[in-house]
Each structure stands twice: as structure tokens, then as C-alpha cells.
């Protein structure tokens, strides 16, 4: 089975390989950040609850919700904004987050 690659904007995410490329160059991303970005990109346009994202990045582990907020903030800094200034990750107040980019 071929490796799944998720392309969006200047990025290519390869969840199985654990890599994120920006214009073909590797981007330093944390393990938890990679898990979160993979979950959101695979469900682009859909709202993922905080609980779903916590389970995706910390399976079987009880962690504070603030850990999720820190990781999402880090991802936002890492990804920057889309060409039109929109953020790749939108907050859905009191629910969770939504990946706003288009996956190619």
C-alpha cells in the first residue's frame, strides 16, 4: 500500500514517514504536532473536537487540555498563514479545531 501524502499549499505531509516538507525542504515538527496535523489534515474542513485531538496525539493518556492549545499554537507558528492571510487551523470556540486548507 503506497504511503499517504497530504499536500496543502507549499507543504507535503507524510504521516507514516513522520515528515513535513515546505517547498521540498524538511520542516522541524514535534511528534505530537505531527500527530495533530495528520489528524486535522486527514479530516480537512471538518471540526475535530478537543477530545478527538487529544486522543489522536496522546492515545490512552490523560493530559491537560492546555497541552493541546500549546501544540496548536506551535503548529500555527510553524505553518504560518495561507496566501490570502487565512490561518491553516481555525478555532471552533468551546468545541475544537478545523483544518481550513484544501488537501491536494
PDB file of N, CA and C in Angstrom:
ATOM      1  N   UNK A   1       0.854  -1.187   0.000  1.00  0.00           N
ATOM      2  CA  UNK A   1       0.000   0.000   0.000  1.00  0.00           C
ATOM      3  C   UNK A   1       0.892   1.239   0.000  1.00  0.00           C
ATOM      4  N   UNK A   2       0.668   2.171  -0.943  1.00  0.00           N
ATOM      5  CA  UNK A   2       1.520   3.353  -1.011  1.00  0.00           C
ATOM      6  C   UNK A   2       1.315   4.260   0.202  1.00  0.00           C
ATOM      7  N   UNK A   3       2.374   4.977   0.505  1.00  0.00           N
ATOM      8  CA  UNK A   3       2.322   5.906   1.637  1.00  0.00           C
ATOM      9  C   UNK A   3       1.372   7.052   1.318  1.00  0.00           C
ATOM     10  N   UNK A   4       0.581   7.437   2.310  1.00  0.00           N
ATOM     11  CA  UNK A   4      -0.333   8.557   2.139  1.00  0.00           C
ATOM     12  C   UNK A   4       0.453   9.857   2.268  1.00  0.00           C
ATOM     13  N   UNK A   5       0.273  10.739   1.296  1.00  0.00           N
ATOM     14  CA  UNK A   5       0.896  12.055   1.331  1.00  0.00           C
ATOM     15  C   UNK A   5      -0.217  13.083   1.224  1.00  0.00           C
ATOM     16  N   UNK A   6      -0.189  14.045   2.113  1.00  0.00           N
ATOM     17  CA  UNK A   6      -1.202  15.096   2.141  1.00  0.00           C
ATOM     18  C   UNK A   6      -0.529  16.406   1.740  1.00  0.00           C
ATOM     19  N   UNK A   7      -0.906  16.936   0.579  1.00  0.00           N
ATOM     20  CA  UNK A   7      -0.311  18.174   0.082  1.00  0.00           C
ATOM     21  C   UNK A   7      -1.287  19.326   0.281  1.00  0.00           C
ATOM     22  N   UNK A   8      -0.769  20.421   0.819  1.00  0.00           N
ATOM     23  CA  UNK A   8      -1.573  21.634   1.006  1.00  0.00           C
ATOM     24  C   UNK A   8      -0.644  22.836   0.942  1.00  0.00           C
ATOM     25  N   UNK A   9      -1.012  23.799   0.093  1.00  0.00           N
ATOM     26  CA  UNK A   9      -0.157  24.971  -0.084  1.00  0.00           C
ATOM     27  C   UNK A   9       1.257  24.536  -0.434  1.00  0.00           C
ATOM     28  N   UNK A  10       2.270  25.110   0.235  1.00  0.00           N
ATOM     29  CA  UNK A  10       3.656  24.733  -0.044  1.00  0.00           C
ATOM     30  C   UNK A  10       4.111  23.490   0.728  1.00  0.00           C
ATOM     31  N   UNK A  11       3.186  22.845   1.433  1.00  0.00           N
ATOM     32  CA  UNK A  11       3.535  21.737   2.323  1.00  0.00           C
ATOM     33  C   UNK A  11       3.156  20.371   1.760  1.00  0.00           C
ATOM     34  N   UNK A  12       3.949  19.364   2.136  1.00  0.00           N
ATOM     35  CA  UNK A  12       3.610  17.963   1.893  1.00  0.00           C
ATOM     36  C   UNK A  12       3.839  17.236   3.211  1.00  0.00           C
ATOM     37  N   UNK A  13       2.776  16.657   3.735  1.00  0.00           N
ATOM     38  CA  UNK A  13       2.816  15.918   4.995  1.00  0.00           C
ATOM     39  C   UNK A  13       2.779  14.426   4.680  1.00  0.00           C
ATOM     40  N   UNK A  14       3.744  13.697   5.215  1.00  0.00           N
ATOM     41  CA  UNK A  14       3.791  12.236   5.070  1.00  0.00           C
ATOM     42  C   UNK A  14       3.689  11.641   6.467  1.00  0.00           C
ATOM     43  N   UNK A  15       2.453  11.383   6.935  1.00  0.00           N
ATOM     44  CA  UNK A  15       2.264  10.910   8.309  1.00  0.00           C
ATOM     45  C   UNK A  15       3.024   9.630   8.646  1.00  0.00           C
ATOM     46  N   UNK A  16       3.010   8.646   7.732  1.00  0.00           N
ATOM     47  CA  UNK A  16       3.680   7.379   8.017  1.00  0.00           C
ATOM     48  C   UNK A  16       5.194   7.554   8.131  1.00  0.00           C
ATOM     49  N   UNK A  17       5.759   8.442   7.303  1.00  0.00           N
ATOM     50  CA  UNK A  17       7.200   8.694   7.346  1.00  0.00           C
ATOM     51  C   UNK A  17       7.565   9.669   8.463  1.00  0.00           C
ATOM     52  N   UNK A  18       6.555  10.373   8.986  1.00  0.00           N
ATOM     53  CA  UNK A  18       6.809  11.338  10.053  1.00  0.00           C
ATOM     54  C   UNK A  18       7.502  12.596   9.568  1.00  0.00           C
ATOM     55  N   UNK A  19       7.182  13.009   8.327  1.00  0.00           N
ATOM     56  CA  UNK A  19       7.847  14.187   7.778  1.00  0.00           C
ATOM     57  C   UNK A  19       6.853  15.244   7.306  1.00  0.00           C
ATOM     58  N   UNK A  20       7.315  16.483   7.379  1.00  0.00           N
ATOM     59  CA  UNK A  20       6.598  17.624   6.827  1.00  0.00           C
ATOM     60  C   UNK A  20       7.609  18.395   5.992  1.00  0.00           C
ATOM     61  N   UNK A  21       7.265  18.630   4.730  1.00  0.00           N
ATOM     62  CA  UNK A  21       8.136  19.387   3.837  1.00  0.00           C
ATOM     63  C   UNK A  21       7.463  20.696   3.462  1.00  0.00           C
ATOM     64  N   UNK A  22       8.269  21.756   3.376  1.00  0.00           N
ATOM     65  CA  UNK A  22       7.790  23.056   2.869  1.00  0.00           C
ATOM     66  C   UNK A  22       8.620  23.356   1.632  1.00  0.00           C
ATOM     67  N   UNK A  23       7.970  23.391   0.492  1.00  0.00           N
ATOM     68  CA  UNK A  23       8.650  23.603  -0.791  1.00  0.00           C
ATOM     69  C   UNK A  23       9.808  22.614  -0.950  1.00  0.00           C
ATOM     70  N   UNK A  24       9.561  21.367  -0.546  1.00  0.00           N
ATOM     71  CA  UNK A  24      10.540  20.299  -0.711  1.00  0.00           C
ATOM     72  C   UNK A  24      11.594  20.190   0.367  1.00  0.00           C
ATOM     73  N   UNK A  25      11.622  21.136   1.301  1.00  0.00           N
ATOM     74  CA  UNK A  25      12.628  21.116   2.367  1.00  0.00           C
ATOM     75  C   UNK A  25      12.004  20.662   3.681  1.00  0.00           C
ATOM     76  N   UNK A  26      12.718  19.827   4.444  1.00  0.00           N
ATOM     77  CA  UNK A  26      12.177  19.328   5.716  1.00  0.00           C
ATOM     78  C   UNK A  26      11.917  20.462   6.712  1.00  0.00           C
ATOM     79  N   UNK A  27      10.819  20.332   7.430  1.00  0.00           N
ATOM     80  CA  UNK A  27      10.439  21.283   8.476  1.00  0.00           C
ATOM     81  C   UNK A  27      10.495  20.545   9.808  1.00  0.00           C
ATOM     82  N   UNK A  28      11.126  21.160  10.798  1.00  0.00           N
ATOM     83  CA  UNK A  28      11.192  20.549  12.131  1.00  0.00           C
ATOM     84  C   UNK A  28       9.816  20.636  12.780  1.00  0.00           C
ATOM     85  N   UNK A  29       9.248  19.478  13.082  1.00  0.00           N
ATOM     86  CA  UNK A  29       7.929  19.412  13.708  1.00  0.00           C
ATOM     87  C   UNK A  29       7.990  18.379  14.821  1.00  0.00           C
ATOM     88  N   UNK A  30       7.348  18.685  15.937  1.00  0.00           N
ATOM     89  CA  UNK A  30       7.353  17.750  17.064  1.00  0.00           C
ATOM     90  C   UNK A  30       6.499  16.525  16.746  1.00  0.00           C
ATOM     91  N   UNK A  31       6.731  15.464  17.474  1.00  0.00           N
ATOM     92  CA  UNK A  31       5.962  14.231  17.297  1.00  0.00           C
ATOM     93  C   UNK A  31       4.475  14.491  17.516  1.00  0.00           C
ATOM     94  N   UNK A  32       4.132  15.181  18.612  1.00  0.00           N
ATOM     95  CA  UNK A  32       2.722  15.470  18.900  1.00  0.00           C
ATOM     96  C   UNK A  32       2.135  16.393  17.837  1.00  0.00           C
ATOM     97  N   UNK A  33       2.918  17.366  17.405  1.00  0.00           N
ATOM     98  CA  UNK A  33       2.469  18.265  16.349  1.00  0.00           C
ATOM     99  C   UNK A  33       2.170  17.511  15.064  1.00  0.00           C
ATOM    100  N   UNK A  34       3.021  16.555  14.739  1.00  0.00           N
ATOM    101  CA  UNK A  34       2.809  15.734  13.548  1.00  0.00           C
ATOM    102  C   UNK A  34       1.523  14.927  13.666  1.00  0.00           C
ATOM    103  N   UNK A  35       1.281  14.345  14.832  1.00  0.00           N
ATOM    104  CA  UNK A  35       0.055  13.568  15.040  1.00  0.00           C
ATOM    105  C   UNK A  35      -1.186  14.448  14.917  1.00  0.00           C
ATOM    106  N   UNK A  36      -1.131  15.638  15.503  1.00  0.00           N
ATOM    107  CA  UNK A  36      -2.273  16.560  15.434  1.00  0.00           C
ATOM    108  C   UNK A  36      -2.516  17.046  14.006  1.00  0.00           C
ATOM    109  N   UNK A  37      -1.444  17.461  13.338  1.00  0.00           N
ATOM    110  CA  UNK A  37      -1.587  17.950  11.971  1.00  0.00           C
ATOM    111  C   UNK A  37      -2.105  16.841  11.057  1.00  0.00           C
ATOM    112  N   UNK A  38      -1.633  15.633  11.253  1.00  0.00           N
ATOM    113  CA  UNK A  38      -2.105  14.496  10.451  1.00  0.00           C
ATOM    114  C   UNK A  38      -3.600  14.276  10.647  1.00  0.00           C
ATOM    115  N   UNK A  39      -4.045  14.292  11.896  1.00  0.00           N
ATOM    116  CA  UNK A  39      -5.472  14.085  12.186  1.00  0.00           C
ATOM    117  C   UNK A  39      -6.317  15.186  11.558  1.00  0.00           C
ATOM    118  N   UNK A  40      -5.863  16.434  11.681  1.00  0.00           N
ATOM    119  CA  UNK A  40      -6.639  17.546  11.133  1.00  0.00           C
ATOM    120  C   UNK A  40      -6.633  17.542   9.609  1.00  0.00           C
ATOM    121  N   UNK A  41      -5.475  17.308   9.000  1.00  0.00           N
ATOM    122  CA  UNK A  41      -5.383  17.332   7.537  1.00  0.00           C
ATOM    123  C   UNK A  41      -6.180  16.188   6.912  1.00  0.00           C
ATOM    124  N   UNK A  42      -6.179  15.031   7.558  1.00  0.00           N
ATOM    125  CA  UNK A  42      -6.958  13.894   7.040  1.00  0.00           C
ATOM    126  C   UNK A  42      -8.462  14.170   7.099  1.00  0.00           C
ATOM    127  N   UNK A  43      -8.847  15.106   7.944  1.00  0.00           N
ATOM    128  CA  UNK A  43     -10.260  15.471   8.108  1.00  0.00           C
ATOM    129  C   UNK A  43     -10.474  16.939   7.750  1.00  0.00           C
ATOM    130  N   UNK A  44      -9.773  17.407   6.730  1.00  0.00           N
ATOM    131  CA  UNK A  44      -9.818  18.817   6.327  1.00  0.00           C
ATOM    132  C   UNK A  44     -11.254  19.292   6.144  1.00  0.00           C
ATOM    133  N   UNK A  45     -11.535  20.458   6.709  1.00  0.00           N
ATOM    134  CA  UNK A  45     -12.864  21.050   6.606  1.00  0.00           C
ATOM    135  C   UNK A  45     -13.821  20.608   7.689  1.00  0.00           C
ATOM    136  N   UNK A  46     -13.488  19.531   8.391  1.00  0.00           N
ATOM    137  CA  UNK A  46     -14.350  19.024   9.460  1.00  0.00           C
ATOM    138  C   UNK A  46     -13.850  19.519  10.814  1.00  0.00           C
ATOM    139  N   UNK A  47     -14.776  19.763  11.715  1.00  0.00           N
ATOM    140  CA  UNK A  47     -14.410  20.150  13.075  1.00  0.00           C
ATOM    141  C   UNK A  47     -14.039  18.887  13.846  1.00  0.00           C
ATOM    142  N   UNK A  48     -12.846  18.899  14.429  1.00  0.00           N
ATOM    143  CA  UNK A  48     -12.439  17.818  15.320  1.00  0.00           C
ATOM    144  C   UNK A  48     -12.521  18.355  16.742  1.00  0.00           C
ATOM    145  N   UNK A  49     -13.182  17.614  17.608  1.00  0.00           N
ATOM    146  CA  UNK A  49     -13.326  18.068  18.986  1.00  0.00           C
ATOM    147  C   UNK A  49     -11.985  17.998  19.701  1.00  0.00           C
ATOM    148  N   UNK A  50     -11.903  18.726  20.791  1.00  0.00           N
ATOM    149  CA  UNK A  50     -10.686  18.688  21.597  1.00  0.00           C
ATOM    150  C   UNK A  50     -10.412  17.267  22.057  1.00  0.00           C
ATOM    151  N   UNK A  51     -11.457  16.552  22.421  1.00  0.00           N
ATOM    152  CA  UNK A  51     -11.313  15.168  22.864  1.00  0.00           C
ATOM    153  C   UNK A  51     -10.742  14.284  21.756  1.00  0.00           C
ATOM    154  N   UNK A  52     -11.239  14.441  20.537  1.00  0.00           N
ATOM    155  CA  UNK A  52     -10.728  13.657  19.402  1.00  0.00           C
ATOM    156  C   UNK A  52      -9.258  13.955  19.150  1.00  0.00           C
ATOM    157  N   UNK A  53      -8.886  15.218  19.247  1.00  0.00           N
ATOM    158  CA  UNK A  53      -7.495  15.596  19.009  1.00  0.00           C
ATOM    159  C   UNK A  53      -6.579  15.133  20.134  1.00  0.00           C
ATOM    160  N   UNK A  54      -7.067  15.210  21.362  1.00  0.00           N
ATOM    161  CA  UNK A  54      -6.269  14.695  22.485  1.00  0.00           C
ATOM    162  C   UNK A  54      -6.029  13.198  22.318  1.00  0.00           C
ATOM    163  N   UNK A  55      -7.059  12.469  21.883  1.00  0.00           N
ATOM    164  CA  UNK A  55      -6.914  11.028  21.649  1.00  0.00           C
ATOM    165  C   UNK A  55      -5.950  10.744  20.501  1.00  0.00           C
ATOM    166  N   UNK A  56      -5.942  11.611  19.490  1.00  0.00           N
ATOM    167  CA  UNK A  56      -5.060  11.413  18.338  1.00  0.00           C
ATOM    168  C   UNK A  56      -3.593  11.618  18.703  1.00  0.00           C
ATOM    169  N   UNK A  57      -3.322  12.606  19.544  1.00  0.00           N
ATOM    170  CA  UNK A  57      -1.933  12.940  19.864  1.00  0.00           C
ATOM    171  C   UNK A  57      -1.417  12.283  21.136  1.00  0.00           C
ATOM    172  N   UNK A  58      -2.316  11.954  22.039  1.00  0.00           N
ATOM    173  CA  UNK A  58      -1.930  11.321  23.303  1.00  0.00           C
ATOM    174  C   UNK A  58      -2.822  10.105  23.549  1.00  0.00           C
ATOM    175  N   UNK A  59      -2.770   9.101  22.673  1.00  0.00           N
ATOM    176  CA  UNK A  59      -3.682   7.954  22.818  1.00  0.00           C
ATOM    177  C   UNK A  59      -3.498   7.233  24.149  1.00  0.00           C
ATOM    178  N   UNK A  60      -4.620   7.011  24.824  1.00  0.00           N
ATOM    179  CA  UNK A  60      -4.592   6.265  26.079  1.00  0.00           C
ATOM    180  C   UNK A  60      -3.946   6.985  27.242  1.00  0.00           C
ATOM    181  N   UNK A  61      -3.716   8.290  27.088  1.00  0.00           N
ATOM    182  CA  UNK A  61      -3.052   9.067  28.134  1.00  0.00           C
ATOM    183  C   UNK A  61      -3.936  10.245  28.530  1.00  0.00           C
ATOM    184  N   UNK A  62      -4.071  10.469  29.823  1.00  0.00           N
ATOM    185  CA  UNK A  62      -4.824  11.627  30.311  1.00  0.00           C
ATOM    186  C   UNK A  62      -3.875  12.824  30.369  1.00  0.00           C
ATOM    187  N   UNK A  63      -4.207  13.868  29.618  1.00  0.00           N
ATOM    188  CA  UNK A  63      -3.392  15.085  29.627  1.00  0.00           C
ATOM    189  C   UNK A  63      -4.301  16.299  29.759  1.00  0.00           C
ATOM    190  N   UNK A  64      -3.728  17.385  30.222  1.00  0.00           N
ATOM    191  CA  UNK A  64      -4.470  18.634  30.359  1.00  0.00           C
ATOM    192  C   UNK A  64      -4.798  19.194  28.973  1.00  0.00           C
ATOM    193  N   UNK A  65      -5.959  19.805  28.849  1.00  0.00           N
ATOM    194  CA  UNK A  65      -6.371  20.418  27.588  1.00  0.00           C
ATOM    195  C   UNK A  65      -5.401  21.512  27.153  1.00  0.00           C
ATOM    196  N   UNK A  66      -4.714  22.120  28.114  1.00  0.00           N
ATOM    197  CA  UNK A  66      -3.761  23.176  27.780  1.00  0.00           C
ATOM    198  C   UNK A  66      -2.630  22.648  26.895  1.00  0.00           C
ATOM    199  N   UNK A  67      -2.303  21.353  27.005  1.00  0.00           N
ATOM    200  CA  UNK A  67      -1.279  20.763  26.133  1.00  0.00           C
ATOM    201  C   UNK A  67      -1.695  20.864  24.672  1.00  0.00           C
ATOM    202  N   UNK A  68      -2.970  20.662  24.416  1.00  0.00           N
ATOM    203  CA  UNK A  68      -3.493  20.761  23.054  1.00  0.00           C
ATOM    204  C   UNK A  68      -3.364  22.194  22.548  1.00  0.00           C
ATOM    205  N   UNK A  69      -3.735  23.156  23.378  1.00  0.00           N
ATOM    206  CA  UNK A  69      -3.648  24.566  22.988  1.00  0.00           C
ATOM    207  C   UNK A  69      -2.217  24.956  22.645  1.00  0.00           C
ATOM    208  N   UNK A  70      -1.272  24.490  23.438  1.00  0.00           N
ATOM    209  CA  UNK A  70       0.146  24.793  23.202  1.00  0.00           C
ATOM    210  C   UNK A  70       0.600  24.190  21.872  1.00  0.00           C
ATOM    211  N   UNK A  71       0.218  22.951  21.617  1.00  0.00           N
ATOM    212  CA  UNK A  71       0.615  22.288  20.370  1.00  0.00           C
ATOM    213  C   UNK A  71      -0.010  22.964  19.149  1.00  0.00           C
ATOM    214  N   UNK A  72      -1.271  23.358  19.245  1.00  0.00           N
ATOM    215  CA  UNK A  72      -1.933  24.033  18.124  1.00  0.00           C
ATOM    216  C   UNK A  72      -1.273  25.391  17.872  1.00  0.00           C
ATOM    217  N   UNK A  73      -0.942  26.118  18.925  1.00  0.00           N
ATOM    218  CA  UNK A  73      -0.258  27.406  18.762  1.00  0.00           C
ATOM    219  C   UNK A  73       1.090  27.204  18.074  1.00  0.00           C
ATOM    220  N   UNK A  74       1.795  26.162  18.454  1.00  0.00           N
ATOM    221  CA  UNK A  74       3.078  25.843  17.834  1.00  0.00           C
ATOM    222  C   UNK A  74       2.903  25.504  16.351  1.00  0.00           C
ATOM    223  N   UNK A  75       1.870  24.724  16.036  1.00  0.00           N
ATOM    224  CA  UNK A  75       1.590  24.393  14.635  1.00  0.00           C
ATOM    225  C   UNK A  75       1.267  25.644  13.829  1.00  0.00           C
ATOM    226  N   UNK A  76       0.506  26.545  14.405  1.00  0.00           N
ATOM    227  CA  UNK A  76       0.150  27.785  13.696  1.00  0.00           C
ATOM    228  C   UNK A  76       1.403  28.603  13.380  1.00  0.00           C
ATOM    229  N   UNK A  77       2.320  28.689  14.340  1.00  0.00           N
ATOM    230  CA  UNK A  77       3.575  29.411  14.106  1.00  0.00           C
ATOM    231  C   UNK A  77       4.376  28.722  13.000  1.00  0.00           C
ATOM    232  N   UNK A  78       4.421  27.417  13.051  1.00  0.00           N
ATOM    233  CA  UNK A  78       5.184  26.629  12.085  1.00  0.00           C
ATOM    234  C   UNK A  78       4.629  26.766  10.666  1.00  0.00           C
ATOM    235  N   UNK A  79       3.318  26.697  10.530  1.00  0.00           N
ATOM    236  CA  UNK A  79       2.680  26.730   9.213  1.00  0.00           C
ATOM    237  C   UNK A  79       2.545  28.136   8.646  1.00  0.00           C
ATOM    238  N   UNK A  80       2.446  29.137   9.525  1.00  0.00           N
ATOM    239  CA  UNK A  80       2.204  30.490   9.054  1.00  0.00           C
ATOM    240  C   UNK A  80       0.783  30.609   8.529  1.00  0.00           C
ATOM    241  N   UNK A  81       0.568  31.535   7.610  1.00  0.00           N
ATOM    242  CA  UNK A  81      -0.763  31.756   7.032  1.00  0.00           C
ATOM    243  C   UNK A  81      -0.785  31.330   5.575  1.00  0.00           C
ATOM    244  N   UNK A  82      -1.993  31.112   5.073  1.00  0.00           N
ATOM    245  CA  UNK A  82      -2.160  30.838   3.642  1.00  0.00           C
ATOM    246  C   UNK A  82      -1.885  32.121   2.872  1.00  0.00           C
ATOM    247  N   UNK A  83      -1.812  32.012   1.552  1.00  0.00           N
ATOM    248  CA  UNK A  83      -1.527  33.171   0.699  1.00  0.00           C
ATOM    249  C   UNK A  83      -2.511  34.316   0.922  1.00  0.00           C
ATOM    250  N   UNK A  84      -3.769  33.974   1.255  1.00  0.00           N
ATOM    251  CA  UNK A  84      -4.778  35.023   1.470  1.00  0.00           C
ATOM    252  C   UNK A  84      -4.812  35.540   2.907  1.00  0.00           C
ATOM    253  N   UNK A  85      -3.878  35.076   3.740  1.00  0.00           N
ATOM    254  CA  UNK A  85      -3.803  35.536   5.125  1.00  0.00           C
ATOM    255  C   UNK A  85      -4.587  34.697   6.112  1.00  0.00           C
ATOM    256  N   UNK A  86      -5.365  33.740   5.618  1.00  0.00           N
ATOM    257  CA  UNK A  86      -6.149  32.859   6.486  1.00  0.00           C
ATOM    258  C   UNK A  86      -5.232  31.861   7.185  1.00  0.00           C
ATOM    259  N   UNK A  87      -5.531  31.557   8.437  1.00  0.00           N
ATOM    260  CA  UNK A  87      -4.752  30.544   9.153  1.00  0.00           C
ATOM    261  C   UNK A  87      -5.152  29.155   8.680  1.00  0.00           C
ATOM    262  N   UNK A  88      -4.196  28.234   8.704  1.00  0.00           N
ATOM    263  CA  UNK A  88      -4.453  26.849   8.304  1.00  0.00           C
ATOM    264  C   UNK A  88      -5.362  26.134   9.299  1.00  0.00           C
ATOM    265  N   UNK A  89      -5.301  26.555  10.559  1.00  0.00           N
ATOM    266  CA  UNK A  89      -6.081  25.899  11.612  1.00  0.00           C
ATOM    267  C   UNK A  89      -6.997  26.931  12.254  1.00  0.00           C
ATOM    268  N   UNK A  90      -8.304  26.682  12.179  1.00  0.00           N
ATOM    269  CA  UNK A  90      -9.292  27.588  12.769  1.00  0.00           C
ATOM    270  C   UNK A  90      -9.775  27.026  14.100  1.00  0.00           C
ATOM    271  N   UNK A  91      -9.975  27.917  15.057  1.00  0.00           N
ATOM    272  CA  UNK A  91     -10.543  27.534  16.343  1.00  0.00           C
ATOM    273  C   UNK A  91     -12.063  27.558  16.236  1.00  0.00           C
ATOM    274  N   UNK A  92     -12.694  26.521  16.734  1.00  0.00           N
ATOM    275  CA  UNK A  92     -14.150  26.486  16.846  1.00  0.00           C
ATOM    276  C   UNK A  92     -14.412  26.602  18.348  1.00  0.00           C
ATOM    277  N   UNK A  93     -14.786  27.807  18.821  1.00  0.00           N
ATOM    278  CA  UNK A  93     -14.893  28.058  20.261  1.00  0.00           C
ATOM    279  C   UNK A  93     -15.676  26.989  21.027  1.00  0.00           C
ATOM    280  N   UNK A  94     -15.084  26.565  22.123  1.00  0.00           N
ATOM    281  CA  UNK A  94     -15.646  25.593  23.068  1.00  0.00           C
ATOM    282  C   UNK A  94     -15.876  24.207  22.463  1.00  0.00           C
ATOM    283  N   UNK A  95     -15.392  23.990  21.222  1.00  0.00           N
ATOM    284  CA  UNK A  95     -15.589  22.683  20.581  1.00  0.00           C
ATOM    285  C   UNK A  95     -14.255  22.046  20.222  1.00  0.00           C
ATOM    286  N   UNK A  96     -13.484  22.714  19.369  1.00  0.00           N
ATOM    287  CA  UNK A  96     -12.229  22.126  18.913  1.00  0.00           C
ATOM    288  C   UNK A  96     -11.582  22.962  17.829  1.00  0.00           C
ATOM    289  N   UNK A  97     -11.072  22.278  16.797  1.00  0.00           N
ATOM    290  CA  UNK A  97     -10.329  22.945  15.734  1.00  0.00           C
ATOM    291  C   UNK A  97     -10.707  22.348  14.387  1.00  0.00           C
ATOM    292  N   UNK A  98     -10.477  23.151  13.328  1.00  0.00           N
ATOM    293  CA  UNK A  98     -10.769  22.712  11.969  1.00  0.00           C
ATOM    294  C   UNK A  98      -9.604  23.104  11.076  1.00  0.00           C
ATOM    295  N   UNK A  99      -9.131  22.155  10.267  1.00  0.00           N
ATOM    296  CA  UNK A  99      -8.104  22.444   9.270  1.00  0.00           C
ATOM    297  C   UNK A  99      -8.802  23.096   8.085  1.00  0.00           C
ATOM    298  N   UNK A 100      -8.382  24.313   7.720  1.00  0.00           N
ATOM    299  CA  UNK A 100      -9.105  25.084   6.715  1.00  0.00           C
ATOM    300  C   UNK A 100      -8.522  24.972   5.315  1.00  0.00           C
ATOM    301  N   UNK A 101      -7.345  24.379   5.197  1.00  0.00           N
ATOM    302  CA  UNK A 101      -6.709  24.262   3.888  1.00  0.00           C
ATOM    303  C   UNK A 101      -7.340  23.182   3.033  1.00  0.00           C
ATOM    304  N   UNK A 102      -7.046  23.250   1.740  1.00  0.00           N
ATOM    305  CA  UNK A 102      -7.502  22.225   0.798  1.00  0.00           C
ATOM    306  C   UNK A 102      -6.387  21.212   0.606  1.00  0.00           C
ATOM    307  N   UNK A 103      -6.733  19.949   0.718  1.00  0.00           N
ATOM    308  CA  UNK A 103      -5.766  18.877   0.518  1.00  0.00           C
ATOM    309  C   UNK A 103      -5.785  18.495  -0.954  1.00  0.00           C
ATOM    310  N   UNK A 104      -4.606  18.457  -1.546  1.00  0.00           N
ATOM    311  CA  UNK A 104      -4.496  18.111  -2.972  1.00  0.00           C
ATOM    312  C   UNK A 104      -4.258  16.626  -3.132  1.00  0.00           C
TER     313      UNK A 104
END
